[in-house]
Amino acid sequence: MPLFDLYLADKSIPEGTFGITGGAVAAYGVYRLREDGKPAGVMLVEHPTAEAATSAVSRLAVVRRSWGEEQVAAEPFLIFKAGQDDYCVIGSSGKLFAAAFFMPSAAAGVDLVRKAFE
């Protein structure tokens, strides 16, 4: 039984992608950043190790690629274009993993992930 299911549009992120297991702590926040009213969100997970956080970034990148999304940047974080004015930004810093979903621009996603790491 998964801890929770995260659905993005009509797709579900497979259980285990974020690596939320014993010792990990997660939070999900919703933000009003989009003109179309669609909520943007950020997931922040503190993993027991930096390696676990890095692995979560890799696993989510594999999922986004399998959906046919274009990776448009690798620095400062992985950035995927999910659709028109719809970006996903994924990164890690030490033991922290963050992913920003439904971002209206790549820059907005990068800013939100940076704030999550503060």
N, C-alpha and C. Protein backbone atom coordinates (compact mmCIF):
# COMPACT_ATOMS: atom_id res chain seq x y z
N MET A 1 0.85 -1.17 0.00
CA MET A 1 0.00 0.00 0.00
C MET A 1 0.90 1.24 0.00
N PRO A 2 0.77 2.11 -1.01
CA PRO A 2 1.62 3.30 -1.05
C PRO A 2 1.25 4.28 0.06
N LEU A 3 2.25 5.05 0.46
CA LEU A 3 2.03 6.09 1.46
C LEU A 3 1.00 7.08 0.93
N PHE A 4 1.13 7.46 -0.32
CA PHE A 4 0.15 8.29 -0.99
C PHE A 4 0.39 8.17 -2.49
N ASP A 5 -0.58 8.54 -3.28
CA ASP A 5 -0.44 8.54 -4.73
C ASP A 5 -0.37 9.98 -5.20
N LEU A 6 0.55 10.27 -6.10
CA LEU A 6 0.65 11.60 -6.68
C LEU A 6 0.32 11.48 -8.16
N TYR A 7 -0.75 12.15 -8.55
CA TYR A 7 -1.18 12.13 -9.94
C TYR A 7 -0.83 13.46 -10.59
N LEU A 8 -0.25 13.40 -11.76
CA LEU A 8 0.06 14.59 -12.54
C LEU A 8 -0.73 14.50 -13.82
N ALA A 9 -1.73 15.36 -13.92
CA ALA A 9 -2.66 15.34 -15.05
C ALA A 9 -3.29 13.95 -15.09
N ASP A 10 -3.09 13.21 -16.16
CA ASP A 10 -3.70 11.89 -16.26
C ASP A 10 -2.67 10.79 -16.01
N LYS A 11 -1.53 11.14 -15.40
CA LYS A 11 -0.46 10.17 -15.18
C LYS A 11 -0.19 10.05 -13.69
N SER A 12 0.24 8.87 -13.29
CA SER A 12 0.58 8.63 -11.89
C SER A 12 2.07 8.35 -11.79
N ILE A 13 2.71 8.94 -10.81
CA ILE A 13 4.12 8.66 -10.57
C ILE A 13 4.20 7.35 -9.81
N PRO A 14 4.99 6.40 -10.31
CA PRO A 14 5.04 5.07 -9.67
C PRO A 14 5.50 5.12 -8.22
N GLU A 15 4.93 4.23 -7.44
CA GLU A 15 5.33 4.11 -6.04
C GLU A 15 6.83 3.87 -5.96
N GLY A 16 7.48 4.49 -5.01
CA GLY A 16 8.91 4.31 -4.81
C GLY A 16 9.77 5.32 -5.53
N THR A 17 9.19 6.12 -6.42
CA THR A 17 9.98 7.09 -7.19
C THR A 17 10.68 8.07 -6.27
N PHE A 18 10.00 8.58 -5.28
CA PHE A 18 10.58 9.60 -4.41
C PHE A 18 11.44 9.00 -3.30
N GLY A 19 11.39 7.70 -3.12
CA GLY A 19 12.21 7.05 -2.10
C GLY A 19 11.78 7.38 -0.69
N ILE A 20 10.48 7.61 -0.49
CA ILE A 20 9.99 7.93 0.84
C ILE A 20 9.84 6.62 1.61
N THR A 21 10.90 6.31 2.35
CA THR A 21 10.94 5.08 3.14
C THR A 21 11.35 5.46 4.56
N GLY A 22 11.64 4.48 5.36
CA GLY A 22 12.03 4.72 6.74
C GLY A 22 13.10 5.79 6.86
N GLY A 23 12.85 6.78 7.67
CA GLY A 23 13.81 7.84 7.89
C GLY A 23 13.64 9.05 7.00
N ALA A 24 12.80 8.96 5.98
CA ALA A 24 12.55 10.11 5.10
C ALA A 24 11.32 10.88 5.57
N VAL A 25 11.37 12.19 5.39
CA VAL A 25 10.26 13.06 5.76
C VAL A 25 9.88 13.87 4.53
N ALA A 26 8.58 13.96 4.22
CA ALA A 26 8.15 14.64 3.00
C ALA A 26 7.06 15.66 3.28
N ALA A 27 7.02 16.69 2.43
CA ALA A 27 5.96 17.70 2.48
C ALA A 27 5.64 18.11 1.05
N TYR A 28 4.38 18.49 0.81
CA TYR A 28 3.94 18.96 -0.50
C TYR A 28 3.18 20.25 -0.31
N GLY A 29 3.57 21.29 -1.03
CA GLY A 29 2.90 22.58 -0.93
C GLY A 29 2.30 22.98 -2.26
N VAL A 30 1.18 23.68 -2.20
CA VAL A 30 0.48 24.16 -3.39
C VAL A 30 0.60 25.68 -3.44
N TYR A 31 0.89 26.19 -4.64
CA TYR A 31 1.11 27.63 -4.83
C TYR A 31 0.26 28.13 -5.99
N ARG A 32 -0.17 29.37 -5.90
CA ARG A 32 -0.93 30.04 -6.97
C ARG A 32 0.06 30.89 -7.77
N LEU A 33 0.69 30.30 -8.77
CA LEU A 33 1.69 30.98 -9.58
C LEU A 33 1.25 31.15 -11.02
N ARG A 34 0.17 30.49 -11.39
CA ARG A 34 -0.23 30.43 -12.79
C ARG A 34 -1.41 31.35 -13.07
N GLU A 35 -1.38 31.97 -14.24
CA GLU A 35 -2.49 32.84 -14.64
C GLU A 35 -3.75 32.04 -14.95
N ASP A 36 -3.60 30.77 -15.34
CA ASP A 36 -4.76 29.96 -15.69
C ASP A 36 -5.46 29.37 -14.46
N GLY A 37 -4.96 29.67 -13.26
CA GLY A 37 -5.60 29.19 -12.04
C GLY A 37 -5.20 27.78 -11.63
N LYS A 38 -4.51 27.06 -12.48
CA LYS A 38 -4.06 25.71 -12.17
C LYS A 38 -3.02 25.80 -11.05
N PRO A 39 -3.16 25.04 -9.99
CA PRO A 39 -2.19 25.14 -8.90
C PRO A 39 -0.84 24.54 -9.28
N ALA A 40 0.22 25.22 -8.89
CA ALA A 40 1.57 24.69 -9.01
C ALA A 40 1.92 24.07 -7.66
N GLY A 41 2.88 23.18 -7.65
CA GLY A 41 3.22 22.54 -6.38
C GLY A 41 4.68 22.21 -6.28
N VAL A 42 5.12 22.01 -5.06
CA VAL A 42 6.50 21.58 -4.82
C VAL A 42 6.49 20.48 -3.77
N MET A 43 7.27 19.45 -4.03
CA MET A 43 7.46 18.37 -3.07
C MET A 43 8.88 18.47 -2.55
N LEU A 44 9.02 18.42 -1.23
CA LEU A 44 10.33 18.45 -0.59
C LEU A 44 10.45 17.20 0.27
N VAL A 45 11.54 16.46 0.08
CA VAL A 45 11.78 15.24 0.86
C VAL A 45 13.16 15.34 1.49
N GLU A 46 13.22 15.15 2.79
CA GLU A 46 14.52 15.02 3.45
C GLU A 46 14.81 13.53 3.60
N HIS A 47 15.84 13.09 2.92
CA HIS A 47 16.25 11.69 2.95
C HIS A 47 17.30 11.46 4.03
N PRO A 48 17.48 10.22 4.43
CA PRO A 48 18.51 9.92 5.43
C PRO A 48 19.93 10.20 4.92
N THR A 49 20.13 10.13 3.58
CA THR A 49 21.46 10.35 3.01
C THR A 49 21.36 11.19 1.74
N ALA A 50 22.47 11.82 1.38
CA ALA A 50 22.53 12.58 0.13
C ALA A 50 22.38 11.65 -1.07
N GLU A 51 22.90 10.44 -0.97
CA GLU A 51 22.80 9.48 -2.06
C GLU A 51 21.34 9.13 -2.34
N ALA A 52 20.54 9.01 -1.30
CA ALA A 52 19.11 8.70 -1.48
C ALA A 52 18.40 9.85 -2.19
N ALA A 53 18.76 11.09 -1.86
CA ALA A 53 18.15 12.25 -2.53
C ALA A 53 18.54 12.28 -4.00
N THR A 54 19.81 12.04 -4.30
CA THR A 54 20.28 12.01 -5.69
C THR A 54 19.58 10.90 -6.48
N SER A 55 19.38 9.76 -5.85
CA SER A 55 18.69 8.64 -6.52
C SER A 55 17.24 9.01 -6.84
N ALA A 56 16.59 9.74 -5.95
CA ALA A 56 15.20 10.17 -6.19
C ALA A 56 15.14 11.08 -7.42
N VAL A 57 16.12 11.98 -7.57
CA VAL A 57 16.18 12.84 -8.75
C VAL A 57 16.26 11.98 -10.01
N SER A 58 17.15 11.01 -9.99
CA SER A 58 17.33 10.14 -11.16
C SER A 58 16.07 9.35 -11.49
N ARG A 59 15.41 8.82 -10.45
CA ARG A 59 14.19 8.03 -10.69
C ARG A 59 13.07 8.88 -11.29
N LEU A 60 12.88 10.10 -10.76
CA LEU A 60 11.82 10.95 -11.31
C LEU A 60 12.16 11.39 -12.73
N ALA A 61 13.44 11.63 -13.03
CA ALA A 61 13.83 11.98 -14.40
C ALA A 61 13.51 10.85 -15.36
N VAL A 62 13.73 9.62 -14.95
CA VAL A 62 13.40 8.46 -15.80
C VAL A 62 11.90 8.44 -16.08
N VAL A 63 11.09 8.69 -15.06
CA VAL A 63 9.63 8.71 -15.24
C VAL A 63 9.24 9.80 -16.24
N ARG A 64 9.77 11.02 -16.07
CA ARG A 64 9.40 12.13 -16.96
C ARG A 64 9.80 11.81 -18.40
N ARG A 65 10.99 11.24 -18.58
CA ARG A 65 11.42 10.86 -19.95
C ARG A 65 10.51 9.79 -20.53
N SER A 66 10.08 8.84 -19.71
CA SER A 66 9.22 7.76 -20.20
C SER A 66 7.87 8.30 -20.66
N TRP A 67 7.48 9.47 -20.16
CA TRP A 67 6.24 10.11 -20.58
C TRP A 67 6.43 10.91 -21.87
N GLY A 68 7.67 10.95 -22.38
CA GLY A 68 7.94 11.66 -23.61
C GLY A 68 8.20 13.15 -23.41
N GLU A 69 8.44 13.56 -22.18
CA GLU A 69 8.71 14.97 -21.92
C GLU A 69 10.15 15.31 -22.30
N GLU A 70 10.32 16.52 -22.80
CA GLU A 70 11.64 16.99 -23.24
C GLU A 70 12.40 17.59 -22.05
N GLN A 71 13.63 17.11 -21.85
CA GLN A 71 14.49 17.73 -20.85
C GLN A 71 15.12 18.94 -21.51
N VAL A 72 14.86 20.13 -20.97
CA VAL A 72 15.34 21.36 -21.59
C VAL A 72 16.57 21.94 -20.89
N ALA A 73 16.92 21.43 -19.71
CA ALA A 73 18.12 21.89 -19.01
C ALA A 73 18.54 20.84 -17.99
N ALA A 74 19.85 20.87 -17.69
CA ALA A 74 20.40 19.99 -16.67
C ALA A 74 20.99 20.77 -15.50
N GLU A 75 21.14 22.07 -15.67
CA GLU A 75 21.71 22.92 -14.64
C GLU A 75 20.87 24.18 -14.49
N PRO A 76 20.63 24.72 -13.33
CA PRO A 76 21.15 24.24 -12.06
C PRO A 76 20.42 23.01 -11.56
N PHE A 77 19.26 22.72 -12.16
CA PHE A 77 18.48 21.52 -11.83
C PHE A 77 17.99 20.90 -13.13
N LEU A 78 17.47 19.68 -13.07
CA LEU A 78 16.85 19.08 -14.25
C LEU A 78 15.53 19.80 -14.51
N ILE A 79 15.32 20.19 -15.75
CA ILE A 79 14.08 20.89 -16.11
C ILE A 79 13.45 20.16 -17.28
N PHE A 80 12.16 19.80 -17.11
CA PHE A 80 11.40 19.13 -18.16
C PHE A 80 10.25 20.02 -18.59
N LYS A 81 10.03 20.07 -19.89
CA LYS A 81 8.87 20.79 -20.43
C LYS A 81 7.75 19.76 -20.57
N ALA A 82 6.72 19.95 -19.76
CA ALA A 82 5.62 18.98 -19.72
C ALA A 82 4.49 19.37 -20.66
N GLY A 83 4.49 20.61 -21.14
CA GLY A 83 3.44 21.09 -22.02
C GLY A 83 3.58 22.59 -22.18
N GLN A 84 2.60 23.18 -22.83
CA GLN A 84 2.60 24.63 -23.02
C GLN A 84 2.57 25.33 -21.67
N ASP A 85 3.57 26.14 -21.37
CA ASP A 85 3.65 26.85 -20.09
C ASP A 85 3.51 25.91 -18.89
N ASP A 86 4.17 24.77 -18.97
CA ASP A 86 4.09 23.75 -17.93
C ASP A 86 5.45 23.07 -17.79
N TYR A 87 6.13 23.35 -16.70
CA TYR A 87 7.48 22.82 -16.48
C TYR A 87 7.56 22.06 -15.17
N CYS A 88 8.48 21.11 -15.13
CA CYS A 88 8.81 20.38 -13.91
C CYS A 88 10.30 20.59 -13.67
N VAL A 89 10.65 20.98 -12.45
CA VAL A 89 12.04 21.22 -12.07
C VAL A 89 12.38 20.25 -10.94
N ILE A 90 13.49 19.53 -11.08
CA ILE A 90 13.86 18.47 -10.14
C ILE A 90 15.31 18.68 -9.70
N GLY A 91 15.57 18.57 -8.40
CA GLY A 91 16.95 18.71 -7.95
C GLY A 91 17.15 18.18 -6.55
N SER A 92 18.42 18.17 -6.14
CA SER A 92 18.76 17.77 -4.78
C SER A 92 19.87 18.67 -4.26
N SER A 93 19.91 18.78 -2.95
CA SER A 93 20.95 19.54 -2.26
C SER A 93 21.21 18.82 -0.95
N GLY A 94 22.35 18.17 -0.87
CA GLY A 94 22.63 17.35 0.31
C GLY A 94 21.58 16.25 0.44
N LYS A 95 20.95 16.16 1.60
CA LYS A 95 19.95 15.12 1.83
C LYS A 95 18.55 15.51 1.34
N LEU A 96 18.41 16.72 0.78
CA LEU A 96 17.10 17.20 0.34
C LEU A 96 16.86 16.94 -1.14
N PHE A 97 15.67 16.48 -1.45
CA PHE A 97 15.17 16.32 -2.82
C PHE A 97 13.99 17.26 -2.97
N ALA A 98 13.91 17.94 -4.11
CA ALA A 98 12.73 18.79 -4.37
C ALA A 98 12.32 18.64 -5.82
N ALA A 99 11.02 18.72 -6.04
CA ALA A 99 10.46 18.71 -7.39
C ALA A 99 9.32 19.72 -7.43
N ALA A 100 9.39 20.64 -8.40
CA ALA A 100 8.33 21.63 -8.59
C ALA A 100 7.52 21.22 -9.81
N PHE A 101 6.21 21.13 -9.66
CA PHE A 101 5.31 20.65 -10.70
C PHE A 101 4.38 21.77 -11.18
N PHE A 102 3.99 21.69 -12.44
CA PHE A 102 3.03 22.63 -13.04
C PHE A 102 3.52 24.07 -12.96
N MET A 103 4.82 24.26 -13.14
CA MET A 103 5.40 25.60 -13.09
C MET A 103 5.08 26.36 -14.38
N PRO A 104 4.72 27.64 -14.29
CA PRO A 104 4.38 28.41 -15.49
C PRO A 104 5.61 28.73 -16.35
N SER A 105 6.80 28.62 -15.76
CA SER A 105 8.04 28.83 -16.51
C SER A 105 9.14 28.04 -15.82
N ALA A 106 10.21 27.77 -16.57
CA ALA A 106 11.36 27.09 -15.97
C ALA A 106 11.94 27.93 -14.85
N ALA A 107 12.02 29.25 -15.05
CA ALA A 107 12.59 30.15 -14.04
C ALA A 107 11.78 30.11 -12.74
N ALA A 108 10.46 30.07 -12.85
CA ALA A 108 9.62 30.01 -11.64
C ALA A 108 9.88 28.71 -10.88
N GLY A 109 10.06 27.62 -11.61
CA GLY A 109 10.35 26.34 -10.96
C GLY A 109 11.71 26.34 -10.28
N VAL A 110 12.71 26.89 -10.95
CA VAL A 110 14.05 26.98 -10.36
C VAL A 110 14.00 27.82 -9.08
N ASP A 111 13.30 28.95 -9.13
CA ASP A 111 13.18 29.80 -7.94
C ASP A 111 12.52 29.06 -6.78
N LEU A 112 11.46 28.33 -7.08
CA LEU A 112 10.74 27.62 -6.02
C LEU A 112 11.59 26.50 -5.42
N VAL A 113 12.31 25.76 -6.25
CA VAL A 113 13.18 24.70 -5.74
C VAL A 113 14.30 25.31 -4.90
N ARG A 114 14.88 26.39 -5.34
CA ARG A 114 15.92 27.06 -4.54
C ARG A 114 15.38 27.48 -3.18
N LYS A 115 14.17 28.04 -3.16
CA LYS A 115 13.57 28.44 -1.88
C LYS A 115 13.32 27.23 -0.99
N ALA A 116 12.93 26.11 -1.59
CA ALA A 116 12.69 24.90 -0.80
C ALA A 116 13.97 24.43 -0.11
N PHE A 117 15.11 24.66 -0.75
CA PHE A 117 16.39 24.22 -0.18
C PHE A 117 16.94 25.18 0.87
N GLU A 118 16.32 26.35 1.05
CA GLU A 118 16.83 27.31 2.05
C GLU A 118 16.52 26.87 3.46
